[in-house]
Amino acid sequence: MMIYLKRVLILLTVAVAVTFSGEVLANCKNGQCTNVKITRMYVTPSGKTVIGTSGDESKLLCDAGSSGHISMEPEQKNYEATYSLILMAHTTDHNITIRTSESGSCYVKYVVSDK
């Protein structure tokens, strides 16, 4: 009986740990994706940067399209600094918050990296 209770306790501990891990807390809604990892990043021939996150971009107010991506155009203000921060988050697997447009196609307005 004692071994059974220990196993149940271990399973409950693992379940709680998984529930409260950072990956589970990733969230996209309204005009931002909070505490997300960059899961995909590519640059198109025209120079547009397209990113995917660990969040659910379909819950954003903007249109993330069928692939669920957020984009940045090179003409955007602070493009190079924003691109650098997103690239850093992608290569280091660091969580960031991405503020997006609230209508039309989804594009990055700004990003936040907290330690």
N, C-alpha and C. Protein backbone atom coordinates (compact mmCIF):
# COMPACT_ATOMS: atom_id res chain seq x y z
N MET A 1 0.82 -1.19 0.00
CA MET A 1 0.00 0.00 0.00
C MET A 1 0.87 1.27 0.00
N MET A 2 1.97 1.26 0.77
CA MET A 2 2.85 2.41 0.85
C MET A 2 3.52 2.70 -0.49
N ILE A 3 3.93 1.66 -1.20
CA ILE A 3 4.55 1.84 -2.51
C ILE A 3 3.55 2.46 -3.48
N TYR A 4 2.30 2.04 -3.42
CA TYR A 4 1.25 2.59 -4.28
C TYR A 4 1.08 4.09 -4.01
N LEU A 5 1.05 4.48 -2.74
CA LEU A 5 0.89 5.90 -2.39
C LEU A 5 2.08 6.72 -2.87
N LYS A 6 3.29 6.18 -2.77
CA LYS A 6 4.47 6.88 -3.26
C LYS A 6 4.39 7.11 -4.76
N ARG A 7 3.94 6.11 -5.49
CA ARG A 7 3.81 6.24 -6.94
C ARG A 7 2.77 7.30 -7.31
N VAL A 8 1.66 7.31 -6.59
CA VAL A 8 0.62 8.31 -6.84
C VAL A 8 1.17 9.71 -6.55
N LEU A 9 1.92 9.86 -5.48
CA LEU A 9 2.50 11.15 -5.13
C LEU A 9 3.49 11.62 -6.20
N ILE A 10 4.29 10.71 -6.71
CA ILE A 10 5.25 11.05 -7.77
C ILE A 10 4.51 11.48 -9.02
N LEU A 11 3.46 10.77 -9.41
CA LEU A 11 2.68 11.13 -10.60
C LEU A 11 2.02 12.50 -10.43
N LEU A 12 1.49 12.78 -9.25
CA LEU A 12 0.89 14.09 -9.00
C LEU A 12 1.93 15.20 -9.07
N THR A 13 3.10 14.96 -8.53
CA THR A 13 4.18 15.95 -8.57
C THR A 13 4.59 16.25 -10.01
N VAL A 14 4.72 15.22 -10.82
CA VAL A 14 5.07 15.41 -12.24
C VAL A 14 3.97 16.16 -12.95
N ALA A 15 2.72 15.84 -12.69
CA ALA A 15 1.59 16.52 -13.34
C ALA A 15 1.57 18.00 -13.00
N VAL A 16 1.82 18.34 -11.75
CA VAL A 16 1.85 19.75 -11.34
C VAL A 16 3.03 20.47 -12.00
N ALA A 17 4.18 19.83 -12.06
CA ALA A 17 5.36 20.44 -12.68
C ALA A 17 5.12 20.73 -14.15
N VAL A 18 4.49 19.81 -14.86
CA VAL A 18 4.20 20.01 -16.27
C VAL A 18 3.18 21.12 -16.45
N THR A 19 2.18 21.16 -15.60
CA THR A 19 1.13 22.18 -15.70
C THR A 19 1.68 23.58 -15.52
N PHE A 20 2.63 23.75 -14.62
CA PHE A 20 3.14 25.08 -14.33
C PHE A 20 4.48 25.40 -14.99
N SER A 21 4.88 24.61 -15.97
CA SER A 21 6.13 24.91 -16.68
C SER A 21 5.93 26.12 -17.58
N GLY A 22 7.02 26.78 -17.97
CA GLY A 22 6.95 27.98 -18.80
C GLY A 22 6.27 27.76 -20.13
N GLU A 23 6.43 26.59 -20.72
CA GLU A 23 5.85 26.30 -22.02
C GLU A 23 4.33 26.36 -21.95
N VAL A 24 3.75 25.89 -20.86
CA VAL A 24 2.30 25.87 -20.71
C VAL A 24 1.77 27.29 -20.56
N LEU A 25 2.55 28.19 -19.98
CA LEU A 25 2.10 29.55 -19.74
C LEU A 25 2.21 30.45 -20.97
N ALA A 26 2.77 29.94 -22.06
CA ALA A 26 2.83 30.71 -23.29
C ALA A 26 1.42 31.00 -23.76
N ASN A 27 1.17 32.24 -24.18
CA ASN A 27 -0.18 32.62 -24.50
C ASN A 27 -0.20 33.72 -25.56
N CYS A 28 -1.07 33.57 -26.53
CA CYS A 28 -1.35 34.64 -27.48
C CYS A 28 -2.82 35.00 -27.34
N LYS A 29 -3.09 36.28 -27.17
CA LYS A 29 -4.48 36.74 -27.20
C LYS A 29 -4.50 38.24 -27.39
N ASN A 30 -5.60 38.70 -27.95
CA ASN A 30 -5.78 40.11 -28.27
C ASN A 30 -4.62 40.61 -29.13
N GLY A 31 -3.76 41.48 -28.59
CA GLY A 31 -2.69 42.06 -29.39
C GLY A 31 -1.30 41.66 -29.00
N GLN A 32 -1.14 40.49 -28.33
CA GLN A 32 0.22 40.09 -27.99
C GLN A 32 0.33 38.60 -27.70
N CYS A 33 1.55 38.11 -27.87
CA CYS A 33 1.93 36.76 -27.48
C CYS A 33 2.89 36.92 -26.31
N THR A 34 2.54 36.34 -25.17
CA THR A 34 3.28 36.53 -23.93
C THR A 34 4.01 35.26 -23.55
N ASN A 35 5.26 35.40 -23.14
CA ASN A 35 6.07 34.29 -22.63
C ASN A 35 6.20 33.17 -23.67
N VAL A 36 6.45 33.54 -24.92
CA VAL A 36 6.55 32.54 -25.99
C VAL A 36 7.99 32.33 -26.44
N LYS A 37 8.22 31.19 -27.01
CA LYS A 37 9.49 30.89 -27.67
C LYS A 37 9.30 31.08 -29.17
N ILE A 38 10.35 31.49 -29.86
CA ILE A 38 10.32 31.58 -31.31
C ILE A 38 10.59 30.17 -31.84
N THR A 39 9.61 29.58 -32.49
CA THR A 39 9.74 28.20 -32.97
C THR A 39 10.12 28.13 -34.44
N ARG A 40 9.91 29.22 -35.15
CA ARG A 40 10.25 29.25 -36.58
C ARG A 40 10.56 30.68 -36.97
N MET A 41 11.54 30.82 -37.84
CA MET A 41 11.93 32.16 -38.30
C MET A 41 12.53 32.03 -39.68
N TYR A 42 12.03 32.82 -40.62
CA TYR A 42 12.64 32.83 -41.95
C TYR A 42 12.48 34.20 -42.59
N VAL A 43 13.32 34.45 -43.57
CA VAL A 43 13.31 35.72 -44.30
C VAL A 43 12.94 35.42 -45.74
N THR A 44 11.97 36.16 -46.27
CA THR A 44 11.53 35.96 -47.65
C THR A 44 12.47 36.68 -48.62
N PRO A 45 12.39 36.37 -49.92
CA PRO A 45 13.24 37.06 -50.90
C PRO A 45 13.08 38.58 -50.88
N SER A 46 11.89 39.07 -50.50
CA SER A 46 11.67 40.52 -50.45
C SER A 46 12.24 41.15 -49.18
N GLY A 47 12.72 40.32 -48.24
CA GLY A 47 13.31 40.84 -47.00
C GLY A 47 12.38 40.79 -45.81
N LYS A 48 11.13 40.37 -46.01
CA LYS A 48 10.19 40.27 -44.90
C LYS A 48 10.61 39.13 -43.98
N THR A 49 10.59 39.37 -42.67
CA THR A 49 10.88 38.34 -41.68
C THR A 49 9.57 37.76 -41.18
N VAL A 50 9.48 36.45 -41.16
CA VAL A 50 8.26 35.76 -40.71
C VAL A 50 8.63 34.89 -39.53
N ILE A 51 7.83 34.97 -38.46
CA ILE A 51 8.12 34.19 -37.26
C ILE A 51 6.89 33.41 -36.81
N GLY A 52 7.16 32.26 -36.21
CA GLY A 52 6.15 31.47 -35.54
C GLY A 52 6.55 31.31 -34.10
N THR A 53 5.58 31.18 -33.21
CA THR A 53 5.88 31.08 -31.79
C THR A 53 5.27 29.82 -31.18
N SER A 54 5.59 29.59 -29.93
CA SER A 54 5.01 28.46 -29.20
C SER A 54 3.58 28.74 -28.77
N GLY A 55 3.11 29.97 -28.97
CA GLY A 55 1.72 30.32 -28.64
C GLY A 55 0.78 30.00 -29.79
N ASP A 56 -0.49 30.26 -29.59
CA ASP A 56 -1.52 30.03 -30.60
C ASP A 56 -1.88 31.37 -31.25
N GLU A 57 -1.23 31.69 -32.38
CA GLU A 57 -1.43 32.98 -33.03
C GLU A 57 -2.86 33.18 -33.54
N SER A 58 -3.64 32.11 -33.67
CA SER A 58 -5.03 32.25 -34.14
C SER A 58 -5.88 33.00 -33.12
N LYS A 59 -5.40 33.16 -31.89
CA LYS A 59 -6.15 33.88 -30.85
C LYS A 59 -5.85 35.38 -30.85
N LEU A 60 -4.96 35.82 -31.73
CA LEU A 60 -4.67 37.25 -31.85
C LEU A 60 -5.80 37.95 -32.58
N LEU A 61 -5.94 39.26 -32.38
CA LEU A 61 -6.96 40.04 -33.07
C LEU A 61 -6.63 40.22 -34.55
N CYS A 62 -5.34 40.20 -34.88
CA CYS A 62 -4.91 40.34 -36.27
C CYS A 62 -5.04 38.99 -36.99
N ASP A 63 -4.84 39.01 -38.30
CA ASP A 63 -4.96 37.80 -39.11
C ASP A 63 -3.58 37.17 -39.30
N ALA A 64 -3.35 36.04 -38.60
CA ALA A 64 -2.05 35.34 -38.70
C ALA A 64 -2.02 34.39 -39.89
N GLY A 65 -3.08 34.34 -40.66
CA GLY A 65 -3.12 33.47 -41.84
C GLY A 65 -3.21 32.00 -41.48
N SER A 66 -3.25 31.18 -42.48
CA SER A 66 -3.41 29.73 -42.25
C SER A 66 -2.19 29.11 -41.58
N SER A 67 -1.01 29.72 -41.77
CA SER A 67 0.20 29.18 -41.16
C SER A 67 0.43 29.72 -39.75
N GLY A 68 -0.34 30.70 -39.32
CA GLY A 68 -0.22 31.24 -37.97
C GLY A 68 1.07 31.95 -37.69
N HIS A 69 1.50 32.82 -38.60
CA HIS A 69 2.77 33.52 -38.42
C HIS A 69 2.57 35.02 -38.27
N ILE A 70 3.57 35.64 -37.66
CA ILE A 70 3.63 37.10 -37.49
C ILE A 70 4.80 37.59 -38.33
N SER A 71 4.66 38.74 -38.96
CA SER A 71 5.74 39.20 -39.85
C SER A 71 6.26 40.58 -39.48
N MET A 72 7.40 40.90 -40.08
CA MET A 72 8.04 42.21 -39.96
C MET A 72 8.58 42.61 -41.32
N GLU A 73 8.34 43.84 -41.71
CA GLU A 73 8.88 44.37 -42.96
C GLU A 73 10.12 45.18 -42.66
N PRO A 74 11.12 45.13 -43.56
CA PRO A 74 12.36 45.89 -43.33
C PRO A 74 12.14 47.40 -43.21
N GLU A 75 11.03 47.89 -43.75
CA GLU A 75 10.74 49.33 -43.69
C GLU A 75 10.22 49.76 -42.32
N GLN A 76 9.84 48.81 -41.48
CA GLN A 76 9.30 49.15 -40.16
C GLN A 76 10.33 49.86 -39.30
N LYS A 77 9.85 50.79 -38.48
CA LYS A 77 10.72 51.52 -37.56
C LYS A 77 11.37 50.52 -36.60
N ASN A 78 12.64 50.69 -36.34
CA ASN A 78 13.42 49.84 -35.44
C ASN A 78 13.49 48.37 -35.89
N TYR A 79 13.40 48.14 -37.19
CA TYR A 79 13.41 46.76 -37.72
C TYR A 79 14.67 46.00 -37.28
N GLU A 80 15.84 46.62 -37.43
CA GLU A 80 17.08 45.90 -37.13
C GLU A 80 17.20 45.54 -35.65
N ALA A 81 16.82 46.44 -34.76
CA ALA A 81 16.87 46.16 -33.32
C ALA A 81 15.86 45.07 -32.95
N THR A 82 14.66 45.16 -33.52
CA THR A 82 13.62 44.16 -33.25
C THR A 82 14.03 42.81 -33.79
N TYR A 83 14.58 42.79 -35.01
CA TYR A 83 15.05 41.54 -35.61
C TYR A 83 16.14 40.92 -34.74
N SER A 84 17.06 41.73 -34.26
CA SER A 84 18.15 41.23 -33.42
C SER A 84 17.63 40.59 -32.14
N LEU A 85 16.66 41.22 -31.50
CA LEU A 85 16.10 40.67 -30.27
C LEU A 85 15.35 39.36 -30.53
N ILE A 86 14.60 39.29 -31.63
CA ILE A 86 13.89 38.06 -31.98
C ILE A 86 14.88 36.95 -32.32
N LEU A 87 15.93 37.28 -33.07
CA LEU A 87 16.95 36.29 -33.42
C LEU A 87 17.66 35.78 -32.18
N MET A 88 17.97 36.67 -31.24
CA MET A 88 18.59 36.25 -29.98
C MET A 88 17.68 35.29 -29.23
N ALA A 89 16.41 35.61 -29.15
CA ALA A 89 15.46 34.74 -28.45
C ALA A 89 15.37 33.38 -29.13
N HIS A 90 15.40 33.39 -30.45
CA HIS A 90 15.31 32.13 -31.21
C HIS A 90 16.55 31.26 -31.00
N THR A 91 17.71 31.85 -31.06
CA THR A 91 18.95 31.06 -30.96
C THR A 91 19.25 30.61 -29.53
N THR A 92 18.78 31.36 -28.53
CA THR A 92 19.05 31.00 -27.14
C THR A 92 17.86 30.30 -26.48
N ASP A 93 16.76 30.14 -27.20
CA ASP A 93 15.56 29.49 -26.66
C ASP A 93 14.99 30.27 -25.48
N HIS A 94 15.10 31.60 -25.55
CA HIS A 94 14.65 32.50 -24.49
C HIS A 94 13.21 32.94 -24.76
N ASN A 95 12.37 32.98 -23.74
CA ASN A 95 10.99 33.45 -23.91
C ASN A 95 10.96 34.96 -24.09
N ILE A 96 10.04 35.42 -24.94
CA ILE A 96 9.83 36.86 -25.14
C ILE A 96 8.34 37.14 -25.23
N THR A 97 8.00 38.42 -25.19
CA THR A 97 6.64 38.89 -25.43
C THR A 97 6.65 39.69 -26.72
N ILE A 98 5.68 39.41 -27.58
CA ILE A 98 5.59 40.10 -28.87
C ILE A 98 4.27 40.85 -28.93
N ARG A 99 4.36 42.16 -29.08
CA ARG A 99 3.17 42.99 -29.27
C ARG A 99 2.91 43.04 -30.76
N THR A 100 1.66 42.78 -31.16
CA THR A 100 1.32 42.72 -32.57
C THR A 100 0.28 43.77 -32.94
N SER A 101 0.07 43.90 -34.24
CA SER A 101 -1.01 44.73 -34.74
C SER A 101 -2.32 44.11 -34.25
N GLU A 102 -3.39 44.89 -34.26
CA GLU A 102 -4.68 44.39 -33.78
C GLU A 102 -5.70 44.22 -34.88
N SER A 103 -5.31 44.51 -36.11
CA SER A 103 -6.22 44.29 -37.25
C SER A 103 -5.38 44.06 -38.49
N GLY A 104 -6.00 43.53 -39.53
CA GLY A 104 -5.27 43.22 -40.75
C GLY A 104 -4.29 42.09 -40.52
N SER A 105 -3.29 41.99 -41.38
CA SER A 105 -2.26 40.96 -41.22
C SER A 105 -1.48 41.19 -39.93
N CYS A 106 -1.05 40.11 -39.30
CA CYS A 106 -0.28 40.24 -38.05
C CYS A 106 1.15 40.69 -38.35
N TYR A 107 1.55 41.77 -37.73
CA TYR A 107 2.94 42.20 -37.83
C TYR A 107 3.41 42.63 -36.44
N VAL A 108 4.71 42.55 -36.24
CA VAL A 108 5.32 42.88 -34.95
C VAL A 108 5.32 44.40 -34.78
N LYS A 109 4.81 44.86 -33.64
CA LYS A 109 4.91 46.27 -33.28
C LYS A 109 6.17 46.48 -32.44
N TYR A 110 6.36 45.62 -31.42
CA TYR A 110 7.58 45.65 -30.62
C TYR A 110 7.69 44.34 -29.86
N VAL A 111 8.89 44.08 -29.30
CA VAL A 111 9.13 42.87 -28.52
C VAL A 111 9.74 43.25 -27.18
N VAL A 112 9.51 42.36 -26.19
CA VAL A 112 10.04 42.57 -24.84
C VAL A 112 10.72 41.29 -24.40
N SER A 113 11.93 41.44 -23.86
CA SER A 113 12.66 40.30 -23.32
C SER A 113 12.92 40.56 -21.85
N ASP A 114 12.39 39.70 -20.99
CA ASP A 114 12.61 39.82 -19.54
C ASP A 114 13.51 38.70 -19.08
N LYS A 115 14.26 38.95 -18.07
CA LYS A 115 15.15 37.92 -17.53
C LYS A 115 14.56 37.37 -16.26
